[in-house]
Amino acid sequence: MAFTAHRSTTRPAGRRHPLVATAMVLPFAALLVVVFGGWEAVVTQASSVGVMLGR
């Protein structure tokens, strides 16, 4: 088995910043609005997911 050097990562340990997570999700959310026919469909799906998660 070959020796592999430990690679250092530049990403800090822990959780992603909320603004970064929001910036990653917004393009996907906009795509859902366009594909599934408007804001009402997105709100309905988000509400259903919220109910499933118990919120």
PDB file of N, CA and C in Angstrom:
ATOM      1  N   MET A   1       0.846  -1.167   0.000  1.00  0.00           N
ATOM      2  CA  MET A   1       0.000   0.000   0.000  1.00  0.00           C
ATOM      3  C   MET A   1       0.899   1.241   0.000  1.00  0.00           C
ATOM      4  N   ALA A   2       0.582   2.201  -0.819  1.00  0.00           N
ATOM      5  CA  ALA A   2       1.387   3.406  -0.937  1.00  0.00           C
ATOM      6  C   ALA A   2       1.080   4.382   0.192  1.00  0.00           C
ATOM      7  N   PHE A   3       2.090   5.147   0.556  1.00  0.00           N
ATOM      8  CA  PHE A   3       1.914   6.165   1.585  1.00  0.00           C
ATOM      9  C   PHE A   3       1.273   7.398   0.960  1.00  0.00           C
ATOM     10  N   THR A   4       0.232   7.892   1.574  1.00  0.00           N
ATOM     11  CA  THR A   4      -0.411   9.118   1.082  1.00  0.00           C
ATOM     12  C   THR A   4      -0.248  10.208   2.122  1.00  0.00           C
ATOM     13  N   ALA A   5       0.176  11.358   1.667  1.00  0.00           N
ATOM     14  CA  ALA A   5       0.385  12.484   2.574  1.00  0.00           C
ATOM     15  C   ALA A   5      -0.951  13.057   3.011  1.00  0.00           C
ATOM     16  N   HIS A   6      -0.962  13.586   4.200  1.00  0.00           N
ATOM     17  CA  HIS A   6      -2.172  14.220   4.716  1.00  0.00           C
ATOM     18  C   HIS A   6      -2.391  15.538   3.977  1.00  0.00           C
ATOM     19  N   ARG A   7      -3.562  15.691   3.420  1.00  0.00           N
ATOM     20  CA  ARG A   7      -3.891  16.915   2.697  1.00  0.00           C
ATOM     21  C   ARG A   7      -4.578  17.887   3.643  1.00  0.00           C
ATOM     22  N   SER A   8      -4.072  19.088   3.678  1.00  0.00           N
ATOM     23  CA  SER A   8      -4.707  20.088   4.525  1.00  0.00           C
ATOM     24  C   SER A   8      -5.856  20.734   3.760  1.00  0.00           C
ATOM     25  N   THR A   9      -6.901  21.045   4.469  1.00  0.00           N
ATOM     26  CA  THR A   9      -8.057  21.682   3.851  1.00  0.00           C
ATOM     27  C   THR A   9      -8.111  23.139   4.281  1.00  0.00           C
ATOM     28  N   THR A  10      -8.576  23.970   3.383  1.00  0.00           N
ATOM     29  CA  THR A  10      -8.702  25.382   3.718  1.00  0.00           C
ATOM     30  C   THR A  10     -10.056  25.694   4.333  1.00  0.00           C
ATOM     31  N   ARG A  11     -10.981  24.764   4.247  1.00  0.00           N
ATOM     32  CA  ARG A  11     -12.311  24.982   4.806  1.00  0.00           C
ATOM     33  C   ARG A  11     -12.268  24.772   6.317  1.00  0.00           C
ATOM     34  N   PRO A  12     -12.742  25.727   7.072  1.00  0.00           N
ATOM     35  CA  PRO A  12     -12.730  25.575   8.526  1.00  0.00           C
ATOM     36  C   PRO A  12     -13.742  24.523   8.973  1.00  0.00           C
ATOM     37  N   ALA A  13     -13.440  23.899  10.064  1.00  0.00           N
ATOM     38  CA  ALA A  13     -14.358  22.899  10.611  1.00  0.00           C
ATOM     39  C   ALA A  13     -15.614  23.588  11.130  1.00  0.00           C
ATOM     40  N   GLY A  14     -16.706  22.887  11.102  1.00  0.00           N
ATOM     41  CA  GLY A  14     -17.935  23.460  11.627  1.00  0.00           C
ATOM     42  C   GLY A  14     -18.987  23.631  10.554  1.00  0.00           C
ATOM     43  N   ARG A  15     -19.950  24.441  10.884  1.00  0.00           N
ATOM     44  CA  ARG A  15     -21.093  24.620   9.986  1.00  0.00           C
ATOM     45  C   ARG A  15     -20.850  25.727   8.982  1.00  0.00           C
ATOM     46  N   ARG A  16     -21.580  25.644   7.882  1.00  0.00           N
ATOM     47  CA  ARG A  16     -21.520  26.666   6.826  1.00  0.00           C
ATOM     48  C   ARG A  16     -22.271  27.909   7.289  1.00  0.00           C
ATOM     49  N   HIS A  17     -21.782  29.062   6.905  1.00  0.00           N
ATOM     50  CA  HIS A  17     -22.432  30.324   7.265  1.00  0.00           C
ATOM     51  C   HIS A  17     -23.822  30.379   6.632  1.00  0.00           C
ATOM     52  N   PRO A  18     -24.829  30.865   7.340  1.00  0.00           N
ATOM     53  CA  PRO A  18     -26.193  30.896   6.805  1.00  0.00           C
ATOM     54  C   PRO A  18     -26.326  31.674   5.488  1.00  0.00           C
ATOM     55  N   LEU A  19     -25.562  32.744   5.324  1.00  0.00           N
ATOM     56  CA  LEU A  19     -25.649  33.497   4.067  1.00  0.00           C
ATOM     57  C   LEU A  19     -25.101  32.694   2.892  1.00  0.00           C
ATOM     58  N   VAL A  20     -24.072  31.894   3.140  1.00  0.00           N
ATOM     59  CA  VAL A  20     -23.525  31.044   2.081  1.00  0.00           C
ATOM     60  C   VAL A  20     -24.551  29.979   1.701  1.00  0.00           C
ATOM     61  N   ALA A  21     -25.173  29.383   2.696  1.00  0.00           N
ATOM     62  CA  ALA A  21     -26.199  28.364   2.425  1.00  0.00           C
ATOM     63  C   ALA A  21     -27.370  28.976   1.659  1.00  0.00           C
ATOM     64  N   THR A  22     -27.763  30.183   2.023  1.00  0.00           N
ATOM     65  CA  THR A  22     -28.861  30.867   1.328  1.00  0.00           C
ATOM     66  C   THR A  22     -28.491  31.154  -0.120  1.00  0.00           C
ATOM     67  N   ALA A  23     -27.268  31.621  -0.334  1.00  0.00           N
ATOM     68  CA  ALA A  23     -26.817  31.905  -1.700  1.00  0.00           C
ATOM     69  C   ALA A  23     -26.767  30.649  -2.548  1.00  0.00           C
ATOM     70  N   MET A  24     -26.514  29.509  -1.931  1.00  0.00           N
ATOM     71  CA  MET A  24     -26.487  28.254  -2.684  1.00  0.00           C
ATOM     72  C   MET A  24     -27.900  27.782  -3.034  1.00  0.00           C
ATOM     73  N   VAL A  25     -28.864  28.057  -2.179  1.00  0.00           N
ATOM     74  CA  VAL A  25     -30.222  27.553  -2.366  1.00  0.00           C
ATOM     75  C   VAL A  25     -31.062  28.434  -3.285  1.00  0.00           C
ATOM     76  N   LEU A  26     -30.813  29.730  -3.298  1.00  0.00           N
ATOM     77  CA  LEU A  26     -31.659  30.649  -4.062  1.00  0.00           C
ATOM     78  C   LEU A  26     -31.766  30.314  -5.559  1.00  0.00           C
ATOM     79  N   PRO A  27     -30.683  29.998  -6.258  1.00  0.00           N
ATOM     80  CA  PRO A  27     -30.848  29.632  -7.677  1.00  0.00           C
ATOM     81  C   PRO A  27     -31.741  28.398  -7.866  1.00  0.00           C
ATOM     82  N   PHE A  28     -31.602  27.419  -6.987  1.00  0.00           N
ATOM     83  CA  PHE A  28     -32.443  26.225  -7.074  1.00  0.00           C
ATOM     84  C   PHE A  28     -33.898  26.557  -6.789  1.00  0.00           C
ATOM     85  N   ALA A  29     -34.135  27.426  -5.822  1.00  0.00           N
ATOM     86  CA  ALA A  29     -35.503  27.837  -5.506  1.00  0.00           C
ATOM     87  C   ALA A  29     -36.129  28.583  -6.686  1.00  0.00           C
ATOM     88  N   ALA A  30     -35.350  29.441  -7.333  1.00  0.00           N
ATOM     89  CA  ALA A  30     -35.867  30.161  -8.504  1.00  0.00           C
ATOM     90  C   ALA A  30     -36.200  29.187  -9.630  1.00  0.00           C
ATOM     91  N   LEU A  31     -35.366  28.178  -9.808  1.00  0.00           N
ATOM     92  CA  LEU A  31     -35.635  27.161 -10.831  1.00  0.00           C
ATOM     93  C   LEU A  31     -36.933  26.413 -10.520  1.00  0.00           C
ATOM     94  N   LEU A  32     -37.159  26.094  -9.257  1.00  0.00           N
ATOM     95  CA  LEU A  32     -38.402  25.418  -8.878  1.00  0.00           C
ATOM     96  C   LEU A  32     -39.621  26.285  -9.172  1.00  0.00           C
ATOM     97  N   VAL A  33     -39.516  27.567  -8.926  1.00  0.00           N
ATOM     98  CA  VAL A  33     -40.634  28.478  -9.198  1.00  0.00           C
ATOM     99  C   VAL A  33     -40.968  28.457 -10.683  1.00  0.00           C
ATOM    100  N   VAL A  34     -39.952  28.490 -11.524  1.00  0.00           N
ATOM    101  CA  VAL A  34     -40.181  28.504 -12.970  1.00  0.00           C
ATOM    102  C   VAL A  34     -40.716  27.157 -13.457  1.00  0.00           C
ATOM    103  N   VAL A  35     -40.112  26.065 -13.015  1.00  0.00           N
ATOM    104  CA  VAL A  35     -40.473  24.735 -13.519  1.00  0.00           C
ATOM    105  C   VAL A  35     -41.850  24.294 -13.037  1.00  0.00           C
ATOM    106  N   PHE A  36     -42.166  24.546 -11.781  1.00  0.00           N
ATOM    107  CA  PHE A  36     -43.403  24.009 -11.225  1.00  0.00           C
ATOM    108  C   PHE A  36     -44.550  25.006 -11.201  1.00  0.00           C
ATOM    109  N   GLY A  37     -44.434  26.078 -11.926  1.00  0.00           N
ATOM    110  CA  GLY A  37     -45.599  26.898 -12.168  1.00  0.00           C
ATOM    111  C   GLY A  37     -45.926  27.964 -11.153  1.00  0.00           C
ATOM    112  N   GLY A  38     -44.970  28.534 -10.510  1.00  0.00           N
ATOM    113  CA  GLY A  38     -45.273  29.701  -9.709  1.00  0.00           C
ATOM    114  C   GLY A  38     -45.055  29.546  -8.232  1.00  0.00           C
ATOM    115  N   TRP A  39     -45.263  30.646  -7.553  1.00  0.00           N
ATOM    116  CA  TRP A  39     -44.998  30.758  -6.130  1.00  0.00           C
ATOM    117  C   TRP A  39     -45.903  29.848  -5.308  1.00  0.00           C
ATOM    118  N   GLU A  40     -47.155  29.680  -5.722  1.00  0.00           N
ATOM    119  CA  GLU A  40     -48.097  28.875  -4.938  1.00  0.00           C
ATOM    120  C   GLU A  40     -47.622  27.437  -4.802  1.00  0.00           C
ATOM    121  N   ALA A  41     -47.072  26.884  -5.886  1.00  0.00           N
ATOM    122  CA  ALA A  41     -46.582  25.504  -5.837  1.00  0.00           C
ATOM    123  C   ALA A  41     -45.397  25.382  -4.882  1.00  0.00           C
ATOM    124  N   VAL A  42     -44.520  26.368  -4.901  1.00  0.00           N
ATOM    125  CA  VAL A  42     -43.351  26.328  -4.010  1.00  0.00           C
ATOM    126  C   VAL A  42     -43.790  26.446  -2.553  1.00  0.00           C
ATOM    127  N   VAL A  43     -44.742  27.338  -2.284  1.00  0.00           N
ATOM    128  CA  VAL A  43     -45.233  27.502  -0.915  1.00  0.00           C
ATOM    129  C   VAL A  43     -45.918  26.220  -0.446  1.00  0.00           C
ATOM    130  N   THR A  44     -46.681  25.595  -1.309  1.00  0.00           N
ATOM    131  CA  THR A  44     -47.361  24.353  -0.944  1.00  0.00           C
ATOM    132  C   THR A  44     -46.362  23.259  -0.606  1.00  0.00           C
ATOM    133  N   GLN A  45     -45.330  23.112  -1.429  1.00  0.00           N
ATOM    134  CA  GLN A  45     -44.322  22.088  -1.166  1.00  0.00           C
ATOM    135  C   GLN A  45     -43.552  22.392   0.117  1.00  0.00           C
ATOM    136  N   ALA A  46     -43.189  23.645   0.318  1.00  0.00           N
ATOM    137  CA  ALA A  46     -42.455  24.018   1.531  1.00  0.00           C
ATOM    138  C   ALA A  46     -43.302  23.764   2.773  1.00  0.00           C
ATOM    139  N   SER A  47     -44.593  24.040   2.664  1.00  0.00           N
ATOM    140  CA  SER A  47     -45.492  23.790   3.782  1.00  0.00           C
ATOM    141  C   SER A  47     -45.577  22.296   4.087  1.00  0.00           C
ATOM    142  N   SER A  48     -45.650  21.490   3.042  1.00  0.00           N
ATOM    143  CA  SER A  48     -45.712  20.041   3.232  1.00  0.00           C
ATOM    144  C   SER A  48     -44.450  19.517   3.899  1.00  0.00           C
ATOM    145  N   VAL A  49     -43.314  20.007   3.468  1.00  0.00           N
ATOM    146  CA  VAL A  49     -42.046  19.586   4.079  1.00  0.00           C
ATOM    147  C   VAL A  49     -42.002  20.031   5.534  1.00  0.00           C
ATOM    148  N   GLY A  50     -42.460  21.226   5.816  1.00  0.00           N
ATOM    149  CA  GLY A  50     -42.505  21.707   7.192  1.00  0.00           C
ATOM    150  C   GLY A  50     -43.374  20.842   8.081  1.00  0.00           C
ATOM    151  N   VAL A  51     -44.496  20.390   7.553  1.00  0.00           N
ATOM    152  CA  VAL A  51     -45.397  19.513   8.325  1.00  0.00           C
ATOM    153  C   VAL A  51     -44.713  18.174   8.575  1.00  0.00           C
ATOM    154  N   MET A  52     -44.032  17.638   7.553  1.00  0.00           N
ATOM    155  CA  MET A  52     -43.337  16.365   7.726  1.00  0.00           C
ATOM    156  C   MET A  52     -42.233  16.466   8.777  1.00  0.00           C
ATOM    157  N   LEU A  53     -41.565  17.612   8.822  1.00  0.00           N
ATOM    158  CA  LEU A  53     -40.485  17.793   9.799  1.00  0.00           C
ATOM    159  C   LEU A  53     -41.021  18.163  11.176  1.00  0.00           C
ATOM    160  N   GLY A  54     -42.297  18.406  11.275  1.00  0.00           N
ATOM    161  CA  GLY A  54     -42.898  18.695  12.568  1.00  0.00           C
ATOM    162  C   GLY A  54     -42.787  20.132  13.002  1.00  0.00           C
ATOM    163  N   ARG A  55     -42.764  21.051  12.030  1.00  0.00           N
ATOM    164  CA  ARG A  55     -42.656  22.472  12.380  1.00  0.00           C
ATOM    165  C   ARG A  55     -43.962  23.156  12.138  1.00  0.00           C
TER     166      ARG A  55
END
